[in-house]
C-alpha atoms as a PDB file:
ATOM      1  CA  MET A   1       5.650 -11.087 -26.368  1.00  0.00           C
ATOM      2  CA  SER A   2       3.595  -9.389 -23.691  1.00  0.00           C
ATOM      3  CA  LYS A   3       4.998  -9.037 -20.211  1.00  0.00           C
ATOM      4  CA  PHE A   4       3.097 -12.168 -19.146  1.00  0.00           C
ATOM      5  CA  GLY A   5       4.435 -14.217 -22.048  1.00  0.00           C
ATOM      6  CA  LEU A   6       0.979 -15.183 -23.273  1.00  0.00           C
ATOM      7  CA  ILE A   7       0.459 -13.182 -26.452  1.00  0.00           C
ATOM      8  CA  ASP A   8       2.737 -12.706 -29.411  1.00  0.00           C
ATOM      9  CA  ARG A   9       1.311  -9.629 -31.139  1.00  0.00           C
ATOM     10  CA  LYS A  10       0.937 -11.430 -34.467  1.00  0.00           C
ATOM     11  CA  PRO A  11      -2.646 -12.584 -35.133  1.00  0.00           C
ATOM     12  CA  GLY A  12      -3.182 -16.303 -34.862  1.00  0.00           C
ATOM     13  CA  ASN A  13       0.056 -16.856 -32.929  1.00  0.00           C
ATOM     14  CA  ARG A  14      -1.050 -17.531 -29.359  1.00  0.00           C
ATOM     15  CA  SER A  15       0.775 -19.760 -26.928  1.00  0.00           C
ATOM     16  CA  ARG A  16      -0.814 -22.590 -25.005  1.00  0.00           C
ATOM     17  CA  LYS A  17      -0.075 -21.221 -21.522  1.00  0.00           C
ATOM     18  CA  GLY A  18      -3.497 -19.589 -21.284  1.00  0.00           C
ATOM     19  CA  GLU A  19      -5.163 -22.868 -22.202  1.00  0.00           C
ATOM     20  CA  LYS A  20      -3.303 -24.695 -19.430  1.00  0.00           C
ATOM     21  CA  ARG A  21      -4.404 -22.135 -16.873  1.00  0.00           C
ATOM     22  CA  ASN A  22      -7.949 -22.294 -18.173  1.00  0.00           C
ATOM     23  CA  SER A  23      -8.027 -26.078 -17.843  1.00  0.00           C
ATOM     24  CA  SER A  24      -6.968 -25.789 -14.192  1.00  0.00           C
ATOM     25  CA  ALA A  25      -9.801 -23.309 -13.627  1.00  0.00           C
ATOM     26  CA  LYS A  26     -12.210 -25.754 -15.278  1.00  0.00           C
ATOM     27  CA  GLN A  27     -11.008 -28.499 -12.940  1.00  0.00           C
ATOM     28  CA  LEU A  28     -11.656 -26.191  -9.999  1.00  0.00           C
ATOM     29  CA  VAL A  29     -15.227 -25.615 -11.199  1.00  0.00           C
ATOM     30  CA  VAL A  30     -15.807 -29.371 -11.488  1.00  0.00           C
ATOM     31  CA  MET A  31     -14.522 -29.924  -7.935  1.00  0.00           C
ATOM     32  CA  ILE A  32     -16.816 -27.174  -6.641  1.00  0.00           C
ATOM     33  CA  ILE A  33     -19.859 -28.643  -8.381  1.00  0.00           C
ATOM     34  CA  LEU A  34     -19.022 -32.034  -6.886  1.00  0.00           C
ATOM     35  CA  GLY A  35     -18.775 -30.356  -3.493  1.00  0.00           C
ATOM     36  CA  LEU A  36     -22.241 -28.892  -3.955  1.00  0.00           C
ATOM     37  CA  VAL A  37     -23.760 -32.181  -5.085  1.00  0.00           C
ATOM     38  CA  LEU A  38     -22.084 -34.512  -2.588  1.00  0.00           C
ATOM     39  CA  ASN A  39     -22.492 -32.338   0.542  1.00  0.00           C
ATOM     40  CA  ARG A  40     -26.175 -31.506   0.497  1.00  0.00           C
ATOM     41  CA  LYS A  41     -26.641 -32.021   4.249  1.00  0.00           C
ATOM     42  CA  ASN A  42     -23.826 -29.729   5.391  1.00  0.00           C
ATOM     43  CA  ILE A  43     -24.884 -26.094   4.885  1.00  0.00           C
ATOM     44  CA  LEU A  44     -21.423 -24.711   5.691  1.00  0.00           C
ATOM     45  CA  MET A  45     -19.796 -26.737   2.902  1.00  0.00           C
ATOM     46  CA  ILE A  46     -22.478 -25.554   0.477  1.00  0.00           C
ATOM     47  CA  ILE A  47     -21.777 -21.907   1.325  1.00  0.00           C
ATOM     48  CA  ILE A  48     -18.027 -22.452   0.982  1.00  0.00           C
ATOM     49  CA  SER A  49     -18.566 -24.123  -2.399  1.00  0.00           C
ATOM     50  CA  ILE A  50     -20.637 -21.172  -3.607  1.00  0.00           C
ATOM     51  CA  GLU A  51     -17.906 -18.731  -2.542  1.00  0.00           C
ATOM     52  CA  LEU A  52     -15.273 -20.838  -4.300  1.00  0.00           C
ATOM     53  CA  THR A  53     -17.441 -20.807  -7.419  1.00  0.00           C
ATOM     54  CA  ARG A  54     -17.413 -17.018  -7.407  1.00  0.00           C
ATOM     55  CA  LEU A  55     -13.645 -16.970  -7.009  1.00  0.00           C
ATOM     56  CA  SER A  56     -13.118 -19.484  -9.827  1.00  0.00           C
ATOM     57  CA  VAL A  57     -15.265 -17.339 -12.132  1.00  0.00           C
ATOM     58  CA  ASN A  58     -13.048 -14.378 -11.205  1.00  0.00           C
ATOM     59  CA  LEU A  59      -9.998 -16.481 -12.038  1.00  0.00           C
ATOM     60  CA  ASN A  60     -11.458 -17.267 -15.466  1.00  0.00           C
ATOM     61  CA  PHE A  61     -12.135 -13.569 -16.067  1.00  0.00           C
ATOM     62  CA  ILE A  62      -8.520 -12.720 -15.219  1.00  0.00           C
ATOM     63  CA  ILE A  63      -7.114 -15.513 -17.414  1.00  0.00           C
ATOM     64  CA  PHE A  64      -9.153 -14.505 -20.441  1.00  0.00           C
ATOM     65  CA  SER A  65      -8.449 -10.825 -19.839  1.00  0.00           C
ATOM     66  CA  VAL A  66      -4.708 -11.423 -19.961  1.00  0.00           C
ATOM     67  CA  TYR A  67      -5.005 -13.917 -22.818  1.00  0.00           C
ATOM     68  CA  LEU A  68      -7.052 -11.538 -24.978  1.00  0.00           C
ATOM     69  CA  ASP A  69      -5.085  -8.451 -23.886  1.00  0.00           C
ATOM     70  CA  ASP A  70      -8.258  -6.712 -22.687  1.00  0.00           C
ATOM     71  CA  ILE A  71      -8.688  -4.784 -19.425  1.00  0.00           C
ATOM     72  CA  LEU A  72     -12.472  -5.247 -19.218  1.00  0.00           C
ATOM     73  CA  GLY A  73     -12.272  -8.637 -17.483  1.00  0.00           C
ATOM     74  CA  GLN A  74      -9.962  -7.251 -14.800  1.00  0.00           C
ATOM     75  CA  LEU A  75     -12.301  -4.326 -14.185  1.00  0.00           C
ATOM     76  CA  PHE A  76     -15.238  -6.699 -13.892  1.00  0.00           C
ATOM     77  CA  VAL A  77     -13.345  -8.779 -11.307  1.00  0.00           C
ATOM     78  CA  LEU A  78     -12.605  -5.614  -9.329  1.00  0.00           C
ATOM     79  CA  PHE A  79     -16.310  -4.785  -9.364  1.00  0.00           C
ATOM     80  CA  ILE A  80     -17.275  -8.311  -8.226  1.00  0.00           C
ATOM     81  CA  LEU A  81     -14.777  -8.260  -5.356  1.00  0.00           C
ATOM     82  CA  THR A  82     -15.979  -4.797  -4.274  1.00  0.00           C
ATOM     83  CA  VAL A  83     -19.598  -5.959  -4.167  1.00  0.00           C
ATOM     84  CA  ALA A  84     -18.561  -9.080  -2.213  1.00  0.00           C
ATOM     85  CA  ALA A  85     -16.641  -6.978   0.325  1.00  0.00           C
ATOM     86  CA  CYS A  86     -19.630  -4.675   0.795  1.00  0.00           C
ATOM     87  CA  GLU A  87     -21.875  -7.709   1.148  1.00  0.00           C
ATOM     88  CA  LYS A  88     -19.792  -8.965   4.059  1.00  0.00           C
ATOM     89  CA  GLN A  89     -20.232  -5.682   5.949  1.00  0.00           C
ATOM     90  CA  ILE A  90     -24.032  -5.779   5.908  1.00  0.00           C
ATOM     91  CA  PRO A  91     -25.315  -7.516   9.065  1.00  0.00           C
END
């Protein structure tokens, strides 16, 4: 078992915890898309939905990175968050 309890080092022996977390991330994406479609007149809600989309993609990267025992997804999330923080500083 890894320290997160997701992977048993034997091939083909993965638990279902990662799938449960992934399904909750999928539900978040569906709610965000509904927010984009249903609130076309309110620009603030559209911007918030786009930001939540970016964060849900980051969540999926983290889930799959832990599930596959690969650091690349976590590094990619760090890069995305760094670019977003720099984006907020530009007037």
